[in-house]
N, C-alpha and C. Protein backbone atom coordinates (compact mmCIF):
# COMPACT_ATOMS: atom_id res chain seq x y z
N MET A 1 18.92 7.71 11.27
CA MET A 1 20.02 7.08 10.60
C MET A 1 19.54 5.74 10.04
N THR A 2 19.81 5.48 8.79
CA THR A 2 19.39 4.26 8.12
C THR A 2 20.30 3.10 8.53
N PRO A 3 19.69 1.97 8.94
CA PRO A 3 20.52 0.82 9.32
C PRO A 3 21.26 0.25 8.11
N VAL A 4 22.40 -0.32 8.37
CA VAL A 4 23.19 -0.98 7.33
C VAL A 4 22.44 -2.24 6.91
N PRO A 5 22.22 -2.43 5.61
CA PRO A 5 21.46 -3.61 5.19
C PRO A 5 22.22 -4.91 5.46
N ALA A 6 21.48 -5.93 5.84
CA ALA A 6 22.07 -7.25 6.05
C ALA A 6 22.25 -7.91 4.69
N ILE A 7 23.45 -8.41 4.44
CA ILE A 7 23.77 -9.07 3.18
C ILE A 7 24.34 -10.44 3.52
N ARG A 8 23.74 -11.47 2.94
CA ARG A 8 24.19 -12.83 3.21
C ARG A 8 24.21 -13.62 1.92
N PRO A 9 25.04 -14.65 1.85
CA PRO A 9 25.05 -15.49 0.65
C PRO A 9 23.78 -16.34 0.61
N ILE A 10 23.31 -16.60 -0.59
CA ILE A 10 22.08 -17.36 -0.77
C ILE A 10 22.22 -18.78 -0.23
N SER A 11 23.44 -19.27 -0.14
CA SER A 11 23.67 -20.62 0.40
C SER A 11 23.25 -20.73 1.86
N ASP A 12 23.16 -19.58 2.56
CA ASP A 12 22.69 -19.61 3.95
C ASP A 12 21.26 -20.10 4.06
N LEU A 13 20.48 -19.97 2.99
CA LEU A 13 19.12 -20.48 3.03
C LEU A 13 19.11 -22.00 3.14
N ARG A 14 20.11 -22.63 2.59
CA ARG A 14 20.22 -24.08 2.66
C ARG A 14 20.91 -24.53 3.94
N THR A 15 21.99 -23.83 4.30
CA THR A 15 22.82 -24.29 5.41
C THR A 15 22.42 -23.73 6.77
N ASP A 16 21.79 -22.54 6.80
CA ASP A 16 21.51 -21.90 8.08
C ASP A 16 20.18 -21.13 8.03
N LEU A 17 19.15 -21.80 7.54
CA LEU A 17 17.85 -21.16 7.35
C LEU A 17 17.29 -20.60 8.66
N SER A 18 17.41 -21.34 9.75
CA SER A 18 16.85 -20.86 11.01
C SER A 18 17.50 -19.55 11.45
N ASP A 19 18.81 -19.40 11.22
CA ASP A 19 19.48 -18.15 11.58
C ASP A 19 19.02 -17.00 10.68
N VAL A 20 18.80 -17.28 9.40
CA VAL A 20 18.31 -16.24 8.48
C VAL A 20 16.93 -15.78 8.93
N CYS A 21 16.07 -16.73 9.27
CA CYS A 21 14.72 -16.40 9.75
C CYS A 21 14.77 -15.59 11.04
N GLU A 22 15.62 -16.01 11.97
CA GLU A 22 15.75 -15.30 13.24
C GLU A 22 16.27 -13.88 13.02
N CYS A 23 17.25 -13.73 12.14
CA CYS A 23 17.80 -12.41 11.84
C CYS A 23 16.73 -11.50 11.24
N ALA A 24 15.94 -12.03 10.32
CA ALA A 24 14.88 -11.24 9.69
C ALA A 24 13.83 -10.84 10.72
N ARG A 25 13.47 -11.76 11.60
CA ARG A 25 12.46 -11.49 12.63
C ARG A 25 12.98 -10.47 13.64
N ASP A 26 14.23 -10.63 14.08
CA ASP A 26 14.78 -9.74 15.10
C ASP A 26 15.05 -8.33 14.57
N SER A 27 15.57 -8.24 13.34
CA SER A 27 15.94 -6.93 12.81
C SER A 27 14.75 -6.18 12.21
N GLN A 28 13.72 -6.92 11.77
CA GLN A 28 12.57 -6.33 11.09
C GLN A 28 13.00 -5.55 9.85
N GLN A 29 14.14 -5.90 9.30
CA GLN A 29 14.69 -5.29 8.09
C GLN A 29 14.88 -6.36 7.03
N PRO A 30 14.88 -5.98 5.76
CA PRO A 30 15.13 -6.97 4.72
C PRO A 30 16.56 -7.49 4.76
N ILE A 31 16.73 -8.74 4.37
CA ILE A 31 18.05 -9.34 4.26
C ILE A 31 18.28 -9.60 2.78
N PHE A 32 19.34 -9.04 2.26
CA PHE A 32 19.67 -9.20 0.85
C PHE A 32 20.53 -10.44 0.68
N MET A 33 20.05 -11.36 -0.14
CA MET A 33 20.75 -12.61 -0.39
C MET A 33 21.49 -12.48 -1.72
N THR A 34 22.76 -12.87 -1.71
CA THR A 34 23.57 -12.74 -2.92
C THR A 34 23.92 -14.11 -3.49
N LYS A 35 24.05 -14.12 -4.80
CA LYS A 35 24.49 -15.32 -5.51
C LYS A 35 25.62 -14.88 -6.44
N ASN A 36 26.79 -15.49 -6.25
CA ASN A 36 27.98 -15.10 -7.02
C ASN A 36 28.29 -13.61 -6.88
N GLY A 37 28.05 -13.07 -5.68
CA GLY A 37 28.38 -11.68 -5.40
C GLY A 37 27.36 -10.66 -5.87
N LYS A 38 26.26 -11.11 -6.45
CA LYS A 38 25.23 -10.20 -6.94
C LYS A 38 23.93 -10.43 -6.19
N ALA A 39 23.18 -9.36 -5.96
CA ALA A 39 21.90 -9.47 -5.28
C ALA A 39 20.98 -10.40 -6.05
N SER A 40 20.36 -11.33 -5.33
CA SER A 40 19.51 -12.32 -5.98
C SER A 40 18.11 -12.35 -5.38
N LEU A 41 18.03 -12.31 -4.04
CA LEU A 41 16.75 -12.39 -3.34
C LEU A 41 16.74 -11.41 -2.17
N VAL A 42 15.54 -11.10 -1.71
CA VAL A 42 15.38 -10.34 -0.48
C VAL A 42 14.48 -11.16 0.42
N VAL A 43 14.94 -11.38 1.65
CA VAL A 43 14.16 -12.12 2.64
C VAL A 43 13.72 -11.12 3.70
N MET A 44 12.44 -11.20 4.06
CA MET A 44 11.90 -10.24 5.01
C MET A 44 10.89 -10.92 5.92
N ASP A 45 10.86 -10.53 7.18
CA ASP A 45 9.88 -11.03 8.12
C ASP A 45 8.48 -10.64 7.65
N CYS A 46 7.52 -11.50 7.82
CA CYS A 46 6.17 -11.28 7.33
C CYS A 46 5.53 -10.03 7.96
N GLU A 47 5.70 -9.84 9.26
CA GLU A 47 5.12 -8.66 9.92
C GLU A 47 5.74 -7.37 9.38
N ALA A 48 7.05 -7.38 9.17
CA ALA A 48 7.73 -6.20 8.62
C ALA A 48 7.23 -5.93 7.20
N TYR A 49 7.03 -6.99 6.44
CA TYR A 49 6.53 -6.85 5.08
C TYR A 49 5.13 -6.24 5.09
N GLU A 50 4.26 -6.72 5.95
CA GLU A 50 2.90 -6.19 6.03
C GLU A 50 2.91 -4.72 6.45
N ARG A 51 3.78 -4.35 7.39
CA ARG A 51 3.89 -2.94 7.78
C ARG A 51 4.35 -2.08 6.60
N GLN A 52 5.29 -2.59 5.85
CA GLN A 52 5.78 -1.85 4.69
C GLN A 52 4.67 -1.68 3.65
N ARG A 53 3.92 -2.73 3.40
CA ARG A 53 2.81 -2.64 2.44
C ARG A 53 1.76 -1.65 2.92
N GLN A 54 1.46 -1.67 4.23
CA GLN A 54 0.48 -0.73 4.78
C GLN A 54 0.99 0.70 4.61
N HIS A 55 2.27 0.92 4.87
CA HIS A 55 2.87 2.25 4.69
C HIS A 55 2.74 2.70 3.24
N GLU A 56 3.00 1.80 2.30
CA GLU A 56 2.87 2.13 0.88
C GLU A 56 1.43 2.50 0.53
N ARG A 57 0.46 1.78 1.13
CA ARG A 57 -0.94 2.12 0.87
C ARG A 57 -1.28 3.50 1.42
N TYR A 58 -0.76 3.84 2.61
CA TYR A 58 -0.99 5.17 3.18
C TYR A 58 -0.40 6.26 2.29
N VAL A 59 0.82 6.04 1.81
CA VAL A 59 1.46 7.02 0.93
C VAL A 59 0.65 7.20 -0.34
N LEU A 60 0.16 6.10 -0.92
CA LEU A 60 -0.65 6.18 -2.12
C LEU A 60 -1.93 6.97 -1.87
N LYS A 61 -2.59 6.72 -0.74
CA LYS A 61 -3.82 7.45 -0.42
C LYS A 61 -3.53 8.93 -0.22
N LEU A 62 -2.42 9.27 0.41
CA LEU A 62 -2.05 10.68 0.57
C LEU A 62 -1.81 11.34 -0.78
N ARG A 63 -1.14 10.65 -1.68
CA ARG A 63 -0.92 11.19 -3.02
C ARG A 63 -2.24 11.41 -3.75
N GLU A 64 -3.14 10.44 -3.62
CA GLU A 64 -4.46 10.59 -4.25
C GLU A 64 -5.20 11.79 -3.68
N ALA A 65 -5.11 11.98 -2.36
CA ALA A 65 -5.78 13.12 -1.73
C ALA A 65 -5.17 14.44 -2.19
N GLU A 66 -3.85 14.48 -2.35
CA GLU A 66 -3.20 15.69 -2.85
C GLU A 66 -3.66 16.02 -4.26
N ILE A 67 -3.74 15.01 -5.11
CA ILE A 67 -4.19 15.22 -6.49
C ILE A 67 -5.64 15.67 -6.49
N GLU A 68 -6.46 15.03 -5.69
CA GLU A 68 -7.87 15.39 -5.59
C GLU A 68 -8.03 16.83 -5.13
N SER A 69 -7.25 17.24 -4.14
CA SER A 69 -7.38 18.61 -3.63
C SER A 69 -6.91 19.62 -4.67
N ARG A 70 -5.98 19.23 -5.52
CA ARG A 70 -5.49 20.13 -6.57
C ARG A 70 -6.58 20.38 -7.62
N TYR A 71 -7.35 19.36 -7.96
CA TYR A 71 -8.35 19.50 -9.00
C TYR A 71 -9.74 19.85 -8.47
N HIS A 72 -9.96 19.63 -7.20
CA HIS A 72 -11.25 19.97 -6.56
C HIS A 72 -10.96 20.68 -5.24
N PRO A 73 -10.50 21.93 -5.32
CA PRO A 73 -10.07 22.60 -4.08
C PRO A 73 -11.21 23.01 -3.16
N GLU A 74 -12.44 23.10 -3.70
CA GLU A 74 -13.53 23.56 -2.84
C GLU A 74 -14.03 22.43 -1.95
N ALA A 75 -14.38 22.80 -0.75
CA ALA A 75 -14.96 21.83 0.19
C ALA A 75 -16.48 21.95 0.11
N VAL A 76 -17.16 20.84 0.29
CA VAL A 76 -18.61 20.82 0.25
C VAL A 76 -19.11 20.36 1.62
N SER A 77 -20.01 21.14 2.19
CA SER A 77 -20.54 20.78 3.50
C SER A 77 -21.47 19.58 3.36
N LEU A 78 -21.73 18.93 4.48
CA LEU A 78 -22.63 17.78 4.48
C LEU A 78 -24.03 18.19 4.03
N ASP A 79 -24.50 19.36 4.49
CA ASP A 79 -25.83 19.84 4.08
C ASP A 79 -25.90 20.05 2.57
N GLU A 80 -24.85 20.67 2.01
CA GLU A 80 -24.82 20.89 0.57
C GLU A 80 -24.80 19.56 -0.19
N MET A 81 -24.04 18.61 0.32
CA MET A 81 -23.98 17.30 -0.33
C MET A 81 -25.33 16.60 -0.26
N ASP A 82 -26.01 16.71 0.87
CA ASP A 82 -27.35 16.12 0.99
C ASP A 82 -28.31 16.74 -0.02
N LYS A 83 -28.23 18.06 -0.21
CA LYS A 83 -29.09 18.73 -1.19
C LYS A 83 -28.80 18.24 -2.60
N ARG A 84 -27.51 18.09 -2.92
CA ARG A 84 -27.13 17.64 -4.26
C ARG A 84 -27.62 16.21 -4.51
N VAL A 85 -27.46 15.35 -3.53
CA VAL A 85 -27.91 13.96 -3.67
C VAL A 85 -29.42 13.90 -3.80
N ALA A 86 -30.13 14.69 -2.99
CA ALA A 86 -31.60 14.71 -3.07
C ALA A 86 -32.06 15.18 -4.44
N LYS A 87 -31.38 16.17 -5.01
CA LYS A 87 -31.72 16.68 -6.33
C LYS A 87 -31.52 15.61 -7.40
N VAL A 88 -30.43 14.88 -7.33
CA VAL A 88 -30.15 13.82 -8.29
C VAL A 88 -31.20 12.71 -8.16
N LEU A 89 -31.51 12.33 -6.93
CA LEU A 89 -32.50 11.27 -6.73
C LEU A 89 -33.88 11.70 -7.20
N ALA A 90 -34.23 12.96 -6.95
CA ALA A 90 -35.54 13.45 -7.39
C ALA A 90 -35.64 13.44 -8.91
N SER A 91 -34.59 13.85 -9.59
CA SER A 91 -34.63 13.84 -11.06
C SER A 91 -34.66 12.40 -11.59
N ALA A 92 -34.03 11.48 -10.89
CA ALA A 92 -34.04 10.09 -11.33
C ALA A 92 -35.44 9.49 -11.17
N ARG A 93 -36.16 9.91 -10.16
CA ARG A 93 -37.52 9.38 -9.93
C ARG A 93 -38.50 9.92 -10.97
N ARG A 94 -38.28 11.15 -11.45
CA ARG A 94 -39.18 11.77 -12.43
C ARG A 94 -39.04 11.14 -13.81
N GLU A 95 -37.83 10.72 -14.16
CA GLU A 95 -37.60 10.14 -15.48
C GLU A 95 -38.12 8.72 -15.52
N PRO A 96 -38.88 8.37 -16.56
CA PRO A 96 -39.36 6.98 -16.67
C PRO A 96 -38.17 6.07 -16.97
N SER A 97 -38.26 4.86 -16.46
CA SER A 97 -37.19 3.91 -16.73
C SER A 97 -37.24 3.48 -18.18
N ARG A 98 -36.08 3.27 -18.74
CA ARG A 98 -35.99 2.88 -20.14
C ARG A 98 -35.49 1.45 -20.22
N ALA A 99 -36.41 0.52 -20.21
CA ALA A 99 -36.05 -0.90 -20.29
C ALA A 99 -35.86 -1.28 -21.74
N CYS A 100 -35.01 -2.24 -21.97
CA CYS A 100 -34.80 -2.74 -23.32
C CYS A 100 -35.96 -3.61 -23.75
N ALA A 101 -36.36 -3.45 -25.00
CA ALA A 101 -37.50 -4.21 -25.50
C ALA A 101 -37.07 -5.56 -26.02
C-alpha cells in the first residue's frame, strides 16, 4: 500500500524547518511543499534520495540488459571470448602501425 504523501505549506520552511527536516528523516518519503495551494517544492531526506537514485540506476541497468539480450541473444563462453580477443590482438600485431607523417 502506497503511503499518503506529506503535503505542507512552503512557509513551514521558514517557520518550522526543524520539524520539516525531522518529518523527512523519519518518514523517508518526499514532502510536497505548496505555495498558494499548488505544488512548488519537494523536500526529501538525503539518504532516501540516494536510495531512490540507486534504485533508478538499477532499473536503468536492467532495461539496458533487456535491450542487449534482445539484440544479442547468444551467450559467449569465457573460452570463446578469450579466443576472439586473442585473434583480434594477433591481427593487430601483424599490421604495421600507421603513424602520421
